[in-house]
Amino acid sequence: MVWFSGDVFMTNTKKKIKTKTLIGYIVSILCLLLCLYITVEVIVASNQNRPPRVFNISVTYVPTESMEPTISSNSYIMFHGTSFDDVKVKDSNNEGDIIIYYSNKNNIYIVHRAIGRGIDENGNKYLICKGDNNEASDTEYVYPAMVYGKYMTTIGFMSIFSGGVNTSAVFIILIIIFILMVAMQVTSMVISVKKEKLKESKKEEENRLREELKAQILKEELEKLRNQKKEIPEENDSTPSDNEEKIDS
């Protein structure tokens, strides 16, 4: 009964280890896919000349003073994707959203505040934007297709990169990080498999020793039983001989 309970315990332990190993593999694969997704998105965004967007979140560099004091020059900001209709313009109730839009006139992304709405002669809706530090509003209307995102916060710790980051360097760093992540995940999986094999071999060795011990104990018990059977007839044989001596006397 004791041995059976031990086997059940070992079986449950194996199942738990296999479950943990499977979860580890799944997490590793998800990490690899995430790294691949981020790397591909950054490369595609660079080719399309736009800020990369990961899970609808983007980071971009603001080099000018047009949004001071809200956003200082040489700052990095975080923003999320938004639609034209979700943008709130400046009125008596709110200050208006700070948006990131693509300027067709200047071929760059601009970070300014939405201060009004309008409809052109063709019936197309547009936004009027302005930098908080500028005296006049932007001369270019912002149409729905130009809206890229809405400002969330300024990333203070990235101020060490004032002046911007070299795009080529970013690509190289991301590729190196991706390769290192792949290597680390593969190494981790290989080590995990080897550990699992070592554990399996150790358990097999323990089971073999346990079976040998059981066989040895069983052998000793059988040997004792044989010895006891041998002793019983000898005692029976000695008893009649004593009786015969008494009769003869």
Protein backbone atom coordinates (compact mmCIF):
# COMPACT_ATOMS: atom_id res chain seq x y z
CA MET A 1 0.00 0.00 0.00
CA VAL A 2 2.87 2.33 0.81
CA TRP A 3 4.58 1.64 -2.50
CA PHE A 4 1.35 2.26 -4.39
CA SER A 5 0.91 5.65 -2.69
CA GLY A 6 4.47 6.55 -3.64
CA ASP A 7 3.81 5.66 -7.29
CA VAL A 8 0.68 7.81 -7.29
CA PHE A 9 2.65 10.70 -5.81
CA MET A 10 5.37 10.34 -8.45
CA THR A 11 2.74 10.25 -11.21
CA ASN A 12 1.11 13.44 -9.93
CA THR A 13 4.52 15.10 -9.64
CA LYS A 14 5.32 14.19 -13.25
CA LYS A 15 2.02 15.67 -14.41
CA LYS A 16 2.72 18.92 -12.52
CA ILE A 17 6.24 19.15 -13.98
CA LYS A 18 4.95 18.53 -17.51
CA THR A 19 2.25 21.21 -17.03
CA LYS A 20 4.84 23.74 -15.81
CA THR A 21 7.12 22.86 -18.72
CA LEU A 22 4.27 23.30 -21.20
CA ILE A 23 3.40 26.68 -19.68
CA GLY A 24 7.06 27.70 -19.92
CA TYR A 25 7.13 26.76 -23.62
CA ILE A 26 3.96 28.73 -24.29
CA VAL A 27 5.33 31.82 -22.48
CA SER A 28 8.61 31.54 -24.41
CA ILE A 29 6.82 31.31 -27.74
CA LEU A 30 4.62 34.29 -26.87
CA CYS A 31 7.72 36.33 -25.93
CA LEU A 32 9.34 35.45 -29.25
CA LEU A 33 6.21 36.40 -31.16
CA LEU A 34 6.00 39.70 -29.25
CA CYS A 35 9.63 40.54 -30.07
CA LEU A 36 9.06 39.62 -33.71
CA TYR A 37 5.89 41.73 -33.86
CA ILE A 38 7.63 44.79 -32.35
CA THR A 39 10.62 44.43 -34.66
CA VAL A 40 8.47 44.07 -37.79
CA GLU A 41 6.27 47.01 -36.75
CA VAL A 42 9.27 49.29 -36.22
CA ILE A 43 10.73 48.36 -39.60
CA VAL A 44 7.40 48.81 -41.40
CA ALA A 45 6.80 52.14 -39.62
CA SER A 46 10.24 53.35 -40.68
CA ASN A 47 9.55 52.44 -44.31
CA GLN A 48 6.22 54.28 -44.14
CA ASN A 49 7.83 57.26 -42.37
CA ARG A 50 5.51 57.11 -39.37
CA PRO A 51 5.90 56.48 -35.60
CA PRO A 52 5.73 52.74 -34.77
CA ARG A 53 2.52 51.60 -33.08
CA VAL A 54 2.53 48.61 -30.73
CA PHE A 55 -0.86 47.55 -29.33
CA ASN A 56 -2.18 50.96 -30.40
CA ILE A 57 0.49 52.77 -28.33
CA SER A 58 3.20 54.93 -29.93
CA VAL A 59 6.16 57.03 -28.87
CA THR A 60 7.43 60.03 -30.82
CA TYR A 61 9.93 62.84 -30.48
CA VAL A 62 8.91 66.51 -30.19
CA PRO A 63 11.83 68.74 -31.30
CA THR A 64 10.15 72.16 -31.28
CA GLU A 65 8.81 74.58 -28.65
CA SER A 66 5.38 74.95 -30.25
CA MET A 67 3.59 73.04 -27.45
CA GLU A 68 5.37 74.59 -24.46
CA PRO A 69 4.74 74.69 -21.56
CA THR A 70 2.54 71.58 -21.92
CA ILE A 71 5.20 69.67 -23.86
CA SER A 72 8.78 70.89 -23.68
CA SER A 73 11.03 70.85 -26.71
CA ASN A 74 13.27 67.79 -27.14
CA SER A 75 10.74 65.63 -25.31
CA TYR A 76 9.43 62.14 -26.02
CA ILE A 77 5.70 61.65 -25.72
CA MET A 78 3.43 58.63 -25.59
CA PHE A 79 0.15 58.61 -27.48
CA HIS A 80 -2.53 56.15 -28.50
CA GLY A 81 -4.39 55.68 -31.74
CA THR A 82 -7.65 57.56 -32.10
CA SER A 83 -10.29 58.41 -34.66
CA PHE A 84 -11.31 61.79 -36.03
CA ASP A 85 -14.70 61.70 -34.28
CA ASP A 86 -13.15 60.92 -30.87
CA VAL A 87 -11.06 64.08 -30.85
CA LYS A 88 -12.39 66.77 -28.51
CA VAL A 89 -11.84 70.37 -29.61
CA LYS A 90 -11.17 73.33 -27.36
CA ASP A 91 -14.28 75.04 -25.98
CA SER A 92 -15.63 76.45 -22.73
CA ASN A 93 -15.80 72.98 -21.17
CA ASN A 94 -12.39 71.52 -22.06
CA GLU A 95 -8.97 72.52 -23.34
CA GLY A 96 -9.15 70.30 -26.40
CA ASP A 97 -7.16 67.16 -27.15
CA ILE A 98 -3.53 67.25 -28.21
CA ILE A 99 -3.32 65.17 -31.36
CA ILE A 100 -0.61 63.83 -33.63
CA TYR A 101 -1.39 64.33 -37.30
CA TYR A 102 0.46 63.95 -40.56
CA SER A 103 1.09 67.21 -42.38
CA ASN A 104 0.75 66.69 -46.13
CA LYS A 105 2.23 70.14 -46.63
CA ASN A 106 5.43 69.55 -44.64
CA ASN A 107 5.59 65.71 -44.88
CA ILE A 108 6.09 65.37 -41.12
CA TYR A 109 4.03 64.44 -38.05
CA ILE A 110 2.94 67.42 -35.97
CA VAL A 111 1.85 67.48 -32.32
CA HIS A 112 -0.70 70.29 -31.77
CA ARG A 113 -3.94 70.92 -29.94
CA ALA A 114 -7.36 70.66 -31.63
CA ILE A 115 -9.12 74.01 -31.19
CA GLY A 116 -12.01 73.78 -33.62
CA ARG A 117 -13.94 71.89 -36.29
CA GLY A 118 -15.13 72.83 -39.73
CA ILE A 119 -16.53 71.62 -43.06
CA ASP A 120 -14.95 72.59 -46.37
CA GLU A 121 -16.73 73.45 -49.63
CA ASN A 122 -16.82 69.76 -50.58
CA GLY A 123 -18.58 68.78 -47.37
CA ASN A 124 -15.49 67.18 -45.81
CA LYS A 125 -15.00 67.53 -42.06
CA TYR A 126 -11.70 68.86 -40.73
CA LEU A 127 -10.02 69.97 -37.49
CA ILE A 128 -8.30 73.26 -36.81
CA CYS A 129 -5.13 72.81 -34.73
CA LYS A 130 -2.70 75.12 -33.00
CA GLY A 131 0.45 74.88 -30.91
CA ASP A 132 -0.01 76.15 -27.35
CA ASN A 133 3.04 78.36 -27.79
CA ASN A 134 2.04 79.65 -31.23
CA GLU A 135 0.12 82.86 -31.80
CA ALA A 136 -1.75 81.66 -34.88
CA SER A 137 -3.46 78.38 -35.71
CA ASP A 138 -2.04 75.96 -38.27
CA THR A 139 -2.59 76.98 -41.88
CA GLU A 140 -3.33 73.38 -42.84
CA TYR A 141 -6.66 71.74 -42.06
CA VAL A 142 -6.52 68.27 -40.47
CA TYR A 143 -8.78 65.79 -42.25
CA PRO A 144 -9.80 62.39 -40.78
CA ALA A 145 -7.14 60.41 -42.71
CA MET A 146 -4.42 62.69 -41.28
CA VAL A 147 -5.22 62.02 -37.60
CA TYR A 148 -2.74 59.48 -36.20
CA GLY A 149 -3.13 59.58 -32.43
CA LYS A 150 -3.99 61.40 -29.21
CA TYR A 151 -1.45 62.57 -26.63
CA MET A 152 -1.23 60.57 -23.38
CA THR A 153 1.85 61.66 -21.42
CA THR A 154 5.43 62.86 -21.66
CA ILE A 155 8.13 60.24 -21.02
CA GLY A 156 10.52 62.10 -18.75
CA PHE A 157 13.30 59.52 -18.47
CA MET A 158 13.83 59.60 -22.26
CA SER A 159 14.98 63.22 -22.08
CA ILE A 160 18.54 61.82 -22.06
CA PHE A 161 18.01 61.23 -25.79
CA SER A 162 17.43 64.93 -26.48
CA GLY A 163 18.12 65.64 -30.10
CA GLY A 164 16.43 62.44 -31.24
CA VAL A 165 17.60 58.90 -31.80
CA ASN A 166 19.31 57.70 -34.95
CA THR A 167 16.77 55.50 -36.76
CA SER A 168 19.37 53.13 -38.19
CA ALA A 169 20.85 52.66 -34.74
CA VAL A 170 17.39 51.85 -33.37
CA PHE A 171 16.87 49.19 -36.06
CA ILE A 172 20.25 47.61 -35.35
CA ILE A 173 19.61 47.63 -31.60
CA LEU A 174 16.15 46.10 -32.06
CA ILE A 175 17.49 43.37 -34.34
CA ILE A 176 20.27 42.59 -31.85
CA ILE A 177 17.75 42.49 -28.99
CA PHE A 178 15.48 40.23 -31.02
CA ILE A 179 18.36 37.84 -31.82
CA LEU A 180 19.42 37.82 -28.16
CA MET A 181 15.84 37.15 -27.07
CA VAL A 182 15.55 34.27 -29.53
CA ALA A 183 18.88 32.85 -28.37
CA MET A 184 17.89 33.18 -24.72
CA GLN A 185 14.52 31.53 -25.28
CA VAL A 186 16.00 28.67 -27.30
CA THR A 187 18.72 28.16 -24.70
CA SER A 188 16.13 28.21 -21.94
CA MET A 189 14.03 25.62 -23.77
CA VAL A 190 17.05 23.37 -24.38
CA ILE A 191 18.12 23.62 -20.73
CA SER A 192 14.56 22.90 -19.64
CA VAL A 193 14.43 19.78 -21.85
CA LYS A 194 17.78 18.57 -20.50
CA LYS A 195 16.66 19.15 -16.93
CA GLU A 196 13.47 17.25 -17.64
CA LYS A 197 15.46 14.34 -19.08
CA LEU A 198 17.78 14.34 -16.05
CA LYS A 199 14.78 14.32 -13.74
CA GLU A 200 13.21 11.48 -15.71
CA SER A 201 16.42 9.43 -15.61
CA LYS A 202 16.81 10.14 -11.89
CA LYS A 203 13.25 9.02 -11.24
CA GLU A 204 13.78 5.91 -13.32
CA GLU A 205 16.92 5.16 -11.30
CA GLU A 206 15.00 5.71 -8.06
CA ASN A 207 12.22 3.42 -9.26
CA ARG A 208 14.77 0.76 -10.26
CA LEU A 209 16.47 0.94 -6.85
CA ARG A 210 13.08 0.80 -5.18
CA GLU A 211 12.12 -2.32 -7.13
CA GLU A 212 15.46 -3.92 -6.31
CA LEU A 213 14.94 -3.12 -2.64
CA LYS A 214 11.44 -4.60 -2.76
CA ALA A 215 12.80 -7.72 -4.44
CA GLN A 216 15.58 -8.00 -1.84
CA ILE A 217 13.10 -7.64 1.02
CA LEU A 218 10.81 -10.22 -0.57
CA LYS A 219 13.73 -12.58 -1.06
CA GLU A 220 14.76 -12.22 2.60
CA GLU A 221 11.19 -12.84 3.75
CA LEU A 222 10.96 -15.98 1.63
CA GLU A 223 14.30 -17.15 2.99
CA LYS A 224 13.02 -16.70 6.55
CA LEU A 225 9.88 -18.69 5.74
CA ARG A 226 11.98 -21.52 4.30
CA ASN A 227 14.18 -21.59 7.40
CA GLN A 228 11.13 -21.66 9.65
CA LYS A 229 9.67 -24.59 7.68
CA LYS A 230 12.93 -26.46 8.02
CA GLU A 231 13.01 -25.96 11.81
CA ILE A 232 9.47 -27.24 12.38
CA PRO A 233 10.02 -30.85 11.09
CA GLU A 234 13.23 -31.19 13.07
CA GLU A 235 11.39 -30.44 16.31
CA ASN A 236 8.68 -32.96 15.41
CA ASP A 237 11.27 -35.61 14.63
CA SER A 238 13.02 -35.17 17.97
CA THR A 239 9.84 -35.60 20.00
CA PRO A 240 9.07 -39.29 19.12
CA SER A 241 12.62 -40.33 19.76
CA ASP A 242 12.41 -39.01 23.31
CA ASN A 243 9.18 -40.94 23.85
CA GLU A 244 10.79 -44.14 22.60
CA GLU A 245 13.66 -43.70 25.04
CA LYS A 246 11.19 -43.37 27.88
CA ILE A 247 9.36 -46.55 26.82
CA ASP A 248 12.57 -48.47 26.49
CA SER A 249 13.63 -47.40 29.94
